Amino acid sequence: SLALQAGTTRGTLNQIIYGGKRIELGLADCLVALCPGLALE
């Protein structure tokens, strides 16, 4: 659900947390909006 709301996939989110994938500002903004306490930094 988080992935869909952010306009991405669980695979991409897994790449971010495990594979060091860097992301564009649009996806980062979505994740910050959807995850309380998370910041762009």
Full PDB file with SEQRES, HELIX, SHEET, SSBOND, CRYST1, ORIGX, SCALE, CONECT and MASTER records, all heavy atoms in Angstrom:
SEQRES   1 A   41  SER LEU ALA LEU GLN ALA GLY THR THR ARG GLY THR LEU          
SEQRES   2 A   41  ASN GLN ILE ILE TYR GLY GLY LYS ARG ILE GLU LEU GLY          
SEQRES   3 A   41  LEU ALA ASP CYS LEU VAL ALA LEU CYS PRO GLY LEU ALA          
SEQRES   4 A   41  LEU GLU                                                      
HELIX    1 AA1 LEU A    2  ALA A    6  1                                   5    
HELIX    2 AA2 ARG A   10  GLY A   19  1                                  10    
HELIX    3 AA3 LEU A   25  LEU A   34  1                                  10    
CRYST1    1.000    1.000    1.000  90.00  90.00  90.00 P 1           1          
ORIGX1      1.000000  0.000000  0.000000        0.00000                         
ORIGX2      0.000000  1.000000  0.000000        0.00000                         
ORIGX3      0.000000  0.000000  1.000000        0.00000                         
SCALE1      1.000000  0.000000  0.000000        0.00000                         
SCALE2      0.000000  1.000000  0.000000        0.00000                         
SCALE3      0.000000  0.000000  1.000000        0.00000                         
ATOM      1  N   SER A   1       0.825  -1.206   0.000  1.00  0.00           N  
ATOM      2  CA  SER A   1       0.000   0.000   0.000  1.00  0.00           C  
ATOM      3  C   SER A   1       0.864   1.262   0.000  1.00  0.00           C  
ATOM      4  O   SER A   1       0.586   2.208  -0.740  1.00  0.00           O  
ATOM      5  CB  SER A   1      -0.926   0.006   1.221  1.00  0.00           C  
ATOM      6  OG  SER A   1      -1.682   1.180   1.270  1.00  0.00           O  
ATOM      7  N   LEU A   2       1.905   1.276   0.822  1.00  0.00           N  
ATOM      8  CA  LEU A   2       2.824   2.420   0.861  1.00  0.00           C  
ATOM      9  C   LEU A   2       3.445   2.637  -0.510  1.00  0.00           C  
ATOM     10  O   LEU A   2       3.495   3.765  -1.010  1.00  0.00           O  
ATOM     11  CB  LEU A   2       3.918   2.201   1.911  1.00  0.00           C  
ATOM     12  CG  LEU A   2       5.021   3.258   1.957  1.00  0.00           C  
ATOM     13  CD1 LEU A   2       4.463   4.606   2.395  1.00  0.00           C  
ATOM     14  CD2 LEU A   2       6.147   2.822   2.885  1.00  0.00           C  
ATOM     15  N   ALA A   3       3.910   1.554  -1.120  1.00  0.00           N  
ATOM     16  CA  ALA A   3       4.534   1.667  -2.441  1.00  0.00           C  
ATOM     17  C   ALA A   3       3.543   2.235  -3.453  1.00  0.00           C  
ATOM     18  O   ALA A   3       3.883   3.151  -4.216  1.00  0.00           O  
ATOM     19  CB  ALA A   3       5.047   0.298  -2.894  1.00  0.00           C  
ATOM     20  N   LEU A   4       2.329   1.717  -3.467  1.00  0.00           N  
ATOM     21  CA  LEU A   4       1.317   2.201  -4.418  1.00  0.00           C  
ATOM     22  C   LEU A   4       0.996   3.671  -4.185  1.00  0.00           C  
ATOM     23  O   LEU A   4       0.876   4.450  -5.129  1.00  0.00           O  
ATOM     24  CB  LEU A   4       0.050   1.353  -4.322  1.00  0.00           C  
ATOM     25  CG  LEU A   4       0.163  -0.068  -4.877  1.00  0.00           C  
ATOM     26  CD1 LEU A   4      -1.099  -0.873  -4.545  1.00  0.00           C  
ATOM     27  CD2 LEU A   4       0.411  -0.042  -6.370  1.00  0.00           C  
ATOM     28  N   GLN A   5       0.837   4.053  -2.918  1.00  0.00           N  
ATOM     29  CA  GLN A   5       0.536   5.457  -2.605  1.00  0.00           C  
ATOM     30  C   GLN A   5       1.668   6.381  -3.032  1.00  0.00           C  
ATOM     31  O   GLN A   5       1.433   7.529  -3.407  1.00  0.00           O  
ATOM     32  CB  GLN A   5       0.279   5.622  -1.106  1.00  0.00           C  
ATOM     33  CG  GLN A   5      -1.027   5.014  -0.630  1.00  0.00           C  
ATOM     34  CD  GLN A   5      -1.181   5.175   0.858  1.00  0.00           C  
ATOM     35  OE1 GLN A   5      -1.336   6.287   1.352  1.00  0.00           O  
ATOM     36  NE2 GLN A   5      -1.098   4.081   1.588  1.00  0.00           N  
ATOM     37  N   ALA A   6       2.900   5.877  -2.973  1.00  0.00           N  
ATOM     38  CA  ALA A   6       4.063   6.680  -3.357  1.00  0.00           C  
ATOM     39  C   ALA A   6       4.322   6.629  -4.864  1.00  0.00           C  
ATOM     40  O   ALA A   6       5.226   7.296  -5.359  1.00  0.00           O  
ATOM     41  CB  ALA A   6       5.300   6.204  -2.598  1.00  0.00           C  
ATOM     42  N   GLY A   7       3.541   5.818  -5.576  1.00  0.00           N  
ATOM     43  CA  GLY A   7       3.703   5.730  -7.022  1.00  0.00           C  
ATOM     44  C   GLY A   7       4.889   4.884  -7.442  1.00  0.00           C  
ATOM     45  O   GLY A   7       5.512   5.136  -8.469  1.00  0.00           O  
ATOM     46  N   THR A   8       5.197   3.865  -6.634  1.00  0.00           N  
ATOM     47  CA  THR A   8       6.345   3.011  -6.944  1.00  0.00           C  
ATOM     48  C   THR A   8       5.995   1.571  -6.611  1.00  0.00           C  
ATOM     49  O   THR A   8       4.827   1.231  -6.474  1.00  0.00           O  
ATOM     50  CB  THR A   8       7.606   3.510  -6.185  1.00  0.00           C  
ATOM     51  OG1 THR A   8       8.751   2.856  -6.706  1.00  0.00           O  
ATOM     52  CG2 THR A   8       7.508   3.338  -4.695  1.00  0.00           C  
ATOM     53  N   THR A   9       7.003   0.728  -6.484  1.00  0.00           N  
ATOM     54  CA  THR A   9       6.787  -0.680  -6.175  1.00  0.00           C  
ATOM     55  C   THR A   9       7.529  -1.066  -4.899  1.00  0.00           C  
ATOM     56  O   THR A   9       8.451  -0.361  -4.468  1.00  0.00           O  
ATOM     57  CB  THR A   9       7.318  -1.578  -7.316  1.00  0.00           C  
ATOM     58  OG1 THR A   9       8.743  -1.412  -7.395  1.00  0.00           O  
ATOM     59  CG2 THR A   9       6.672  -1.218  -8.651  1.00  0.00           C  
ATOM     60  N   ARG A  10       7.125  -2.200  -4.336  1.00  0.00           N  
ATOM     61  CA  ARG A  10       7.851  -2.701  -3.164  1.00  0.00           C  
ATOM     62  C   ARG A  10       9.296  -3.018  -3.540  1.00  0.00           C  
ATOM     63  O   ARG A  10      10.206  -2.843  -2.742  1.00  0.00           O  
ATOM     64  CB  ARG A  10       7.193  -3.966  -2.608  1.00  0.00           C  
ATOM     65  CG  ARG A  10       6.022  -3.670  -1.704  1.00  0.00           C  
ATOM     66  CD  ARG A  10       5.537  -4.897  -0.984  1.00  0.00           C  
ATOM     67  NE  ARG A  10       5.500  -6.066  -1.862  1.00  0.00           N  
ATOM     68  CZ  ARG A  10       5.615  -7.315  -1.433  1.00  0.00           C  
ATOM     69  NH1 ARG A  10       5.788  -7.575  -0.171  1.00  0.00           N  
ATOM     70  NH2 ARG A  10       5.562  -8.323  -2.286  1.00  0.00           N  
ATOM     71  N   GLY A  11       9.507  -3.483  -4.766  1.00  0.00           N  
ATOM     72  CA  GLY A  11      10.865  -3.782  -5.225  1.00  0.00           C  
ATOM     73  C   GLY A  11      11.764  -2.562  -5.182  1.00  0.00           C  
ATOM     74  O   GLY A  11      12.915  -2.641  -4.755  1.00  0.00           O  
ATOM     75  N   THR A  12      11.223  -1.431  -5.623  1.00  0.00           N  
ATOM     76  CA  THR A  12      12.009  -0.189  -5.578  1.00  0.00           C  
ATOM     77  C   THR A  12      12.305   0.211  -4.136  1.00  0.00           C  
ATOM     78  O   THR A  12      13.428   0.604  -3.809  1.00  0.00           O  
ATOM     79  CB  THR A  12      11.279   0.947  -6.317  1.00  0.00           C  
ATOM     80  OG1 THR A  12      11.156   0.585  -7.692  1.00  0.00           O  
ATOM     81  CG2 THR A  12      12.025   2.259  -6.196  1.00  0.00           C  
ATOM     82  N   LEU A  13      11.315   0.099  -3.266  1.00  0.00           N  
ATOM     83  CA  LEU A  13      11.544   0.447  -1.855  1.00  0.00           C  
ATOM     84  C   LEU A  13      12.587  -0.484  -1.235  1.00  0.00           C  
ATOM     85  O   LEU A  13      13.428  -0.043  -0.452  1.00  0.00           O  
ATOM     86  CB  LEU A  13      10.232   0.423  -1.069  1.00  0.00           C  
ATOM     87  CG  LEU A  13       9.184   1.457  -1.514  1.00  0.00           C  
ATOM     88  CD1 LEU A  13       7.934   1.349  -0.650  1.00  0.00           C  
ATOM     89  CD2 LEU A  13       9.741   2.868  -1.491  1.00  0.00           C  
ATOM     90  N   ASN A  14      12.549  -1.762  -1.610  1.00  0.00           N  
ATOM     91  CA  ASN A  14      13.571  -2.691  -1.120  1.00  0.00           C  
ATOM     92  C   ASN A  14      14.953  -2.300  -1.635  1.00  0.00           C  
ATOM     93  O   ASN A  14      15.944  -2.400  -0.907  1.00  0.00           O  
ATOM     94  CB  ASN A  14      13.242  -4.129  -1.534  1.00  0.00           C  
ATOM     95  CG  ASN A  14      12.128  -4.723  -0.702  1.00  0.00           C  
ATOM     96  OD1 ASN A  14      11.936  -4.350   0.449  1.00  0.00           O  
ATOM     97  ND2 ASN A  14      11.391  -5.649  -1.271  1.00  0.00           N  
ATOM     98  N   GLN A  15      15.031  -1.850  -2.891  1.00  0.00           N  
ATOM     99  CA  GLN A  15      16.320  -1.403  -3.439  1.00  0.00           C  
ATOM    100  C   GLN A  15      16.840  -0.188  -2.681  1.00  0.00           C  
ATOM    101  O   GLN A  15      18.049  -0.033  -2.498  1.00  0.00           O  
ATOM    102  CB  GLN A  15      16.191  -1.065  -4.921  1.00  0.00           C  
ATOM    103  CG  GLN A  15      16.029  -2.268  -5.807  1.00  0.00           C  
ATOM    104  CD  GLN A  15      15.820  -1.881  -7.258  1.00  0.00           C  
ATOM    105  OE1 GLN A  15      15.586  -0.723  -7.586  1.00  0.00           O  
ATOM    106  NE2 GLN A  15      15.893  -2.860  -8.136  1.00  0.00           N  
ATOM    107  N   ILE A  16      15.940   0.671  -2.245  1.00  0.00           N  
ATOM    108  CA  ILE A  16      16.343   1.861  -1.486  1.00  0.00           C  
ATOM    109  C   ILE A  16      16.944   1.448  -0.140  1.00  0.00           C  
ATOM    110  O   ILE A  16      18.015   1.920   0.241  1.00  0.00           O  
ATOM    111  CB  ILE A  16      15.151   2.824  -1.278  1.00  0.00           C  
ATOM    112  CG1 ILE A  16      14.698   3.392  -2.622  1.00  0.00           C  
ATOM    113  CG2 ILE A  16      15.519   3.945  -0.306  1.00  0.00           C  
ATOM    114  CD1 ILE A  16      13.339   4.075  -2.563  1.00  0.00           C  
ATOM    115  N   ILE A  17      16.268   0.553   0.576  1.00  0.00           N  
ATOM    116  CA  ILE A  17      16.740   0.223   1.932  1.00  0.00           C  
ATOM    117  C   ILE A  17      17.864  -0.798   1.952  1.00  0.00           C  
ATOM    118  O   ILE A  17      18.657  -0.809   2.878  1.00  0.00           O  
ATOM    119  CB  ILE A  17      15.587  -0.221   2.861  1.00  0.00           C  
ATOM    120  CG1 ILE A  17      14.923  -1.499   2.361  1.00  0.00           C  
ATOM    121  CG2 ILE A  17      14.585   0.890   3.050  1.00  0.00           C  
ATOM    122  CD1 ILE A  17      13.917  -2.084   3.325  1.00  0.00           C  
ATOM    123  N   TYR A  18      17.962  -1.635   0.934  1.00  0.00           N  
ATOM    124  CA  TYR A  18      19.008  -2.666   0.931  1.00  0.00           C  
ATOM    125  C   TYR A  18      20.111  -2.415  -0.091  1.00  0.00           C  
ATOM    126  O   TYR A  18      21.252  -2.775   0.134  1.00  0.00           O  
ATOM    127  CB  TYR A  18      18.418  -4.050   0.643  1.00  0.00           C  
ATOM    128  CG  TYR A  18      17.558  -4.591   1.743  1.00  0.00           C  
ATOM    129  CD1 TYR A  18      16.228  -4.907   1.505  1.00  0.00           C  
ATOM    130  CD2 TYR A  18      18.067  -4.789   3.017  1.00  0.00           C  
ATOM    131  CE1 TYR A  18      15.427  -5.422   2.506  1.00  0.00           C  
ATOM    132  CE2 TYR A  18      17.267  -5.299   4.028  1.00  0.00           C  
ATOM    133  CZ  TYR A  18      15.951  -5.617   3.769  1.00  0.00           C  
ATOM    134  OH  TYR A  18      15.159  -6.114   4.764  1.00  0.00           O  
ATOM    135  N   GLY A  19      19.759  -1.826  -1.219  1.00  0.00           N  
ATOM    136  CA  GLY A  19      20.715  -1.737  -2.311  1.00  0.00           C  
ATOM    137  C   GLY A  19      21.346  -0.391  -2.524  1.00  0.00           C  
ATOM    138  O   GLY A  19      22.126  -0.206  -3.445  1.00  0.00           O  
ATOM    139  N   GLY A  20      21.007   0.569  -1.690  1.00  0.00           N  
ATOM    140  CA  GLY A  20      21.607   1.887  -1.832  1.00  0.00           C  
ATOM    141  C   GLY A  20      21.103   2.670  -3.029  1.00  0.00           C  
ATOM    142  O   GLY A  20      21.776   3.582  -3.499  1.00  0.00           O  
ATOM    143  N   LYS A  21      19.916   2.323  -3.536  1.00  0.00           N  
ATOM    144  CA  LYS A  21      19.347   3.036  -4.682  1.00  0.00           C  
ATOM    145  C   LYS A  21      19.079   4.491  -4.311  1.00  0.00           C  
ATOM    146  O   LYS A  21      18.538   4.782  -3.255  1.00  0.00           O  
ATOM    147  CB  LYS A  21      18.046   2.370  -5.123  1.00  0.00           C  
ATOM    148  CG  LYS A  21      17.373   3.064  -6.293  1.00  0.00           C  
ATOM    149  CD  LYS A  21      16.136   2.289  -6.726  1.00  0.00           C  
ATOM    150  CE  LYS A  21      15.423   2.947  -7.869  1.00  0.00           C  
ATOM    151  NZ  LYS A  21      16.211   2.989  -9.098  1.00  0.00           N  
ATOM    152  N   ARG A  22      19.488   5.386  -5.166  1.00  0.00           N  
ATOM    153  CA  ARG A  22      19.219   6.821  -4.970  1.00  0.00           C  
ATOM    154  C   ARG A  22      17.930   7.169  -5.688  1.00  0.00           C  
ATOM    155  O   ARG A  22      17.612   6.585  -6.728  1.00  0.00           O  
ATOM    156  CB  ARG A  22      20.386   7.641  -5.484  1.00  0.00           C  
ATOM    157  CG  ARG A  22      21.665   7.302  -4.731  1.00  0.00           C  
ATOM    158  CD  ARG A  22      22.620   8.461  -4.677  1.00  0.00           C  
ATOM    159  NE  ARG A  22      23.711   8.170  -3.768  1.00  0.00           N  
ATOM    160  CZ  ARG A  22      23.697   8.454  -2.463  1.00  0.00           C  
ATOM    161  NH1 ARG A  22      22.670   9.045  -1.941  1.00  0.00           N  
ATOM    162  NH2 ARG A  22      24.728   8.164  -1.702  1.00  0.00           N  
ATOM    163  N   ILE A  23      17.178   8.104  -5.134  1.00  0.00           N  
ATOM    164  CA  ILE A  23      15.855   8.403  -5.676  1.00  0.00           C  
ATOM    165  C   ILE A  23      15.702   9.879  -6.035  1.00  0.00           C  
ATOM    166  O   ILE A  23      16.420  10.737  -5.524  1.00  0.00           O  
ATOM    167  CB  ILE A  23      14.745   7.979  -4.692  1.00  0.00           C  
ATOM    168  CG1 ILE A  23      14.891   8.685  -3.338  1.00  0.00           C  
ATOM    169  CG2 ILE A  23      14.758   6.472  -4.511  1.00  0.00           C  
ATOM    170  CD1 ILE A  23      13.775   8.381  -2.361  1.00  0.00           C  
ATOM    171  N   GLU A  24      14.750  10.119  -6.908  1.00  0.00           N  
ATOM    172  CA  GLU A  24      14.442  11.479  -7.347  1.00  0.00           C  
ATOM    173  C   GLU A  24      13.587  12.180  -6.290  1.00  0.00           C  
ATOM    174  O   GLU A  24      12.992  11.556  -5.414  1.00  0.00           O  
ATOM    175  CB  GLU A  24      13.733  11.464  -8.699  1.00  0.00           C  
ATOM    176  CG  GLU A  24      14.602  10.973  -9.838  1.00  0.00           C  
ATOM    177  CD  GLU A  24      15.786  11.883 -10.148  1.00  0.00           C  
ATOM    178  OE1 GLU A  24      15.738  13.084  -9.833  1.00  0.00           O  
ATOM    179  OE2 GLU A  24      16.764  11.384 -10.703  1.00  0.00           O  
ATOM    180  N   LEU A  25      13.499  13.480  -6.421  1.00  0.00           N  
ATOM    181  CA  LEU A  25      12.831  14.308  -5.420  1.00  0.00           C  
ATOM    182  C   LEU A  25      11.340  14.004  -5.301  1.00  0.00           C  
ATOM    183  O   LEU A  25      10.786  14.012  -4.206  1.00  0.00           O  
ATOM    184  CB  LEU A  25      13.053  15.792  -5.756  1.00  0.00           C  
ATOM    185  CG  LEU A  25      12.753  16.800  -4.663  1.00  0.00           C  
ATOM    186  CD1 LEU A  25      13.509  16.493  -3.384  1.00  0.00           C  
ATOM    187  CD2 LEU A  25      13.098  18.202  -5.142  1.00  0.00           C  
ATOM    188  N   GLY A  26      10.680  13.686  -6.403  1.00  0.00           N  
ATOM    189  CA  GLY A  26       9.244  13.400  -6.354  1.00  0.00           C  
ATOM    190  C   GLY A  26       8.928  12.204  -5.476  1.00  0.00           C  
ATOM    191  O   GLY A  26       8.030  12.260  -4.619  1.00  0.00           O  
ATOM    192  N   LEU A  27       9.651  11.116  -5.656  1.00  0.00           N  
ATOM    193  CA  LEU A  27       9.441   9.931  -4.817  1.00  0.00           C  
ATOM    194  C   LEU A  27       9.815  10.235  -3.369  1.00  0.00           C  
ATOM    195  O   LEU A  27       9.107   9.838  -2.442  1.00  0.00           O  
ATOM    196  CB  LEU A  27      10.242   8.741  -5.348  1.00  0.00           C  
ATOM    197  CG  LEU A  27      10.168   7.453  -4.522  1.00  0.00           C  
ATOM    198  CD1 LEU A  27       8.731   7.004  -4.287  1.00  0.00           C  
ATOM    199  CD2 LEU A  27      10.981   6.354  -5.191  1.00  0.00           C  
ATOM    200  N   ALA A  28      10.899  10.952  -3.175  1.00  0.00           N  
ATOM    201  CA  ALA A  28      11.307  11.313  -1.813  1.00  0.00           C  
ATOM    202  C   ALA A  28      10.230  12.152  -1.127  1.00  0.00           C  
ATOM    203  O   ALA A  28       9.904  11.910   0.041  1.00  0.00           O  
ATOM    204  CB  ALA A  28      12.631  12.070  -1.847  1.00  0.00           C  
ATOM    205  N   ASP A  29       9.646  13.112  -1.845  1.00  0.00           N  
ATOM    206  CA  ASP A  29       8.563  13.925  -1.276  1.00  0.00           C  
ATOM    207  C   ASP A  29       7.380  13.050  -0.861  1.00  0.00           C  
ATOM    208  O   ASP A  29       6.782  13.246   0.199  1.00  0.00           O  
ATOM    209  CB  ASP A  29       8.084  14.976  -2.279  1.00  0.00           C  
ATOM    210  CG  ASP A  29       9.008  16.176  -2.385  1.00  0.00           C  
ATOM    211  OD1 ASP A  29       9.774  16.445  -1.437  1.00  0.00           O  
ATOM    212  OD2 ASP A  29       8.951  16.856  -3.425  1.00  0.00           O  
ATOM    213  N   CYS A  30       7.036  12.086  -1.711  1.00  0.00           N  
ATOM    214  CA  CYS A  30       5.924  11.178  -1.390  1.00  0.00           C  
ATOM    215  C   CYS A  30       6.227  10.375  -0.131  1.00  0.00           C  
ATOM    216  O   CYS A  30       5.364  10.245   0.751  1.00  0.00           O  
ATOM    217  CB  CYS A  30       5.656  10.220  -2.554  1.00  0.00           C  
ATOM    218  SG  CYS A  30       4.902  10.997  -3.983  1.00  0.00           S  
ATOM    219  N   LEU A  31       7.431   9.845  -0.019  1.00  0.00           N  
ATOM    220  CA  LEU A  31       7.778   9.042   1.149  1.00  0.00           C  
ATOM    221  C   LEU A  31       7.769   9.877   2.422  1.00  0.00           C  
ATOM    222  O   LEU A  31       7.300   9.422   3.468  1.00  0.00           O  
ATOM    223  CB  LEU A  31       9.147   8.376   0.948  1.00  0.00           C  
ATOM    224  CG  LEU A  31       9.184   7.305  -0.151  1.00  0.00           C  
ATOM    225  CD1 LEU A  31      10.612   6.811  -0.354  1.00  0.00           C  
ATOM    226  CD2 LEU A  31       8.244   6.152   0.170  1.00  0.00           C  
ATOM    227  N   VAL A  32       8.254  11.106   2.334  1.00  0.00           N  
ATOM    228  CA  VAL A  32       8.232  11.999   3.496  1.00  0.00           C  
ATOM    229  C   VAL A  32       6.781  12.284   3.913  1.00  0.00           C  
ATOM    230  O   VAL A  32       6.459  12.281   5.105  1.00  0.00           O  
ATOM    231  CB  VAL A  32       8.997  13.309   3.202  1.00  0.00           C  
ATOM    232  CG1 VAL A  32       8.730  14.365   4.263  1.00  0.00           C  
ATOM    233  CG2 VAL A  32      10.494  13.024   3.095  1.00  0.00           C  
ATOM    234  N   ALA A  33       5.906  12.484   2.939  1.00  0.00           N  
ATOM    235  CA  ALA A  33       4.497  12.755   3.243  1.00  0.00           C  
ATOM    236  C   ALA A  33       3.798  11.533   3.846  1.00  0.00           C  
ATOM    237  O   ALA A  33       2.900  11.678   4.678  1.00  0.00           O  
ATOM    238  CB  ALA A  33       3.770  13.206   1.979  1.00  0.00           C  
ATOM    239  N   LEU A  34       4.210  10.348   3.452  1.00  0.00           N  
ATOM    240  CA  LEU A  34       3.530   9.120   3.877  1.00  0.00           C  
ATOM    241  C   LEU A  34       4.105   8.479   5.137  1.00  0.00           C  
ATOM    242  O   LEU A  34       3.437   7.665   5.772  1.00  0.00           O  
ATOM    243  CB  LEU A  34       3.566   8.091   2.743  1.00  0.00           C  
ATOM    244  CG  LEU A  34       2.774   8.453   1.488  1.00  0.00           C  
ATOM    245  CD1 LEU A  34       3.129   7.524   0.337  1.00  0.00           C  
ATOM    246  CD2 LEU A  34       1.275   8.422   1.774  1.00  0.00           C  
ATOM    247  N   CYS A  35       5.328   8.837   5.498  1.00  0.00           N  
ATOM    248  CA  CYS A  35       6.001   8.204   6.647  1.00  0.00           C  
ATOM    249  C   CYS A  35       6.259   9.243   7.731  1.00  0.00           C  
ATOM    250  O   CYS A  35       7.186  10.055   7.606  1.00  0.00           O  
ATOM    251  CB  CYS A  35       7.321   7.575   6.205  1.00  0.00           C  
ATOM    252  SG  CYS A  35       7.147   6.320   4.937  1.00  0.00           S  
ATOM    253  N   PRO A  36       5.473   9.234   8.783  1.00  0.00           N  
ATOM    254  CA  PRO A  36       5.638  10.223   9.855  1.00  0.00           C  
ATOM    255  C   PRO A  36       7.057  10.227  10.415  1.00  0.00           C  
ATOM    256  O   PRO A  36       7.657   9.178  10.648  1.00  0.00           O  
ATOM    257  CB  PRO A  36       4.639   9.755  10.924  1.00  0.00           C  
ATOM    258  CG  PRO A  36       3.649   8.917  10.187  1.00  0.00           C  
ATOM    259  CD  PRO A  36       4.407   8.276   9.059  1.00  0.00           C  
ATOM    260  N   GLY A  37       7.608  11.418  10.568  1.00  0.00           N  
ATOM    261  CA  GLY A  37       8.929  11.578  11.156  1.00  0.00           C  
ATOM    262  C   GLY A  37      10.074  11.483  10.167  1.00  0.00           C  
ATOM    263  O   GLY A  37      11.219  11.732  10.535  1.00  0.00           O  
ATOM    264  N   LEU A  38       9.777  11.141   8.927  1.00  0.00           N  
ATOM    265  CA  LEU A  38      10.820  11.028   7.906  1.00  0.00           C  
ATOM    266  C   LEU A  38      11.051  12.393   7.271  1.00  0.00           C  
ATOM    267  O   LEU A  38      10.115  13.163   7.082  1.00  0.00           O  
ATOM    268  CB  LEU A  38      10.383  10.017   6.841  1.00  0.00           C  
ATOM    269  CG  LEU A  38      11.456   9.511   5.896  1.00  0.00           C  
ATOM    270  CD1 LEU A  38      12.488   8.692   6.656  1.00  0.00           C  
ATOM    271  CD2 LEU A  38      10.832   8.657   4.804  1.00  0.00           C  
ATOM    272  N   ALA A  39      12.299  12.711   6.958  1.00  0.00           N  
ATOM    273  CA  ALA A  39      12.650  13.980   6.320  1.00  0.00           C  
ATOM    274  C   ALA A  39      13.471  13.696   5.064  1.00  0.00           C  
ATOM    275  O   ALA A  39      14.039  12.605   4.917  1.00  0.00           O  
ATOM    276  CB  ALA A  39      13.453  14.848   7.282  1.00  0.00           C  
ATOM    277  N   LEU A  40      13.551  14.673   4.170  1.00  0.00           N  
ATOM    278  CA  LEU A  40      14.328  14.499   2.941  1.00  0.00           C  
ATOM    279  C   LEU A  40      15.778  14.127   3.239  1.00  0.00           C  
ATOM    280  O   LEU A  40      16.394  13.358   2.506  1.00  0.00           O  
ATOM    281  CB  LEU A  40      14.279  15.765   2.085  1.00  0.00           C  
ATOM    282  CG  LEU A  40      12.963  16.038   1.372  1.00  0.00           C  
ATOM    283  CD1 LEU A  40      13.016  17.385   0.659  1.00  0.00           C  
ATOM    284  CD2 LEU A  40      12.625  14.927   0.393  1.00  0.00           C  
ATOM    285  N   GLU A  41      16.334  14.668   4.326  1.00  0.00           N  
ATOM    286  CA  GLU A  41      17.717  14.378   4.692  1.00  0.00           C  
ATOM    287  C   GLU A  41      17.930  12.900   4.992  1.00  0.00           C  
ATOM    288  O   GLU A  41      19.052  12.413   4.994  1.00  0.00           O  
ATOM    289  CB  GLU A  41      18.142  15.178   5.940  1.00  0.00           C  
ATOM    290  CG  GLU A  41      18.069  16.658   5.818  1.00  0.00           C  
ATOM    291  CD  GLU A  41      16.659  17.208   6.024  1.00  0.00           C  
ATOM    292  OE1 GLU A  41      15.883  16.670   6.847  1.00  0.00           O  
ATOM    293  OE2 GLU A  41      16.316  18.178   5.344  1.00  0.00           O  
TER     294      GLU A  41                                                      
MASTER        0    0    0    3    0    0    0    6  293    1    0    4          
END                                                                             
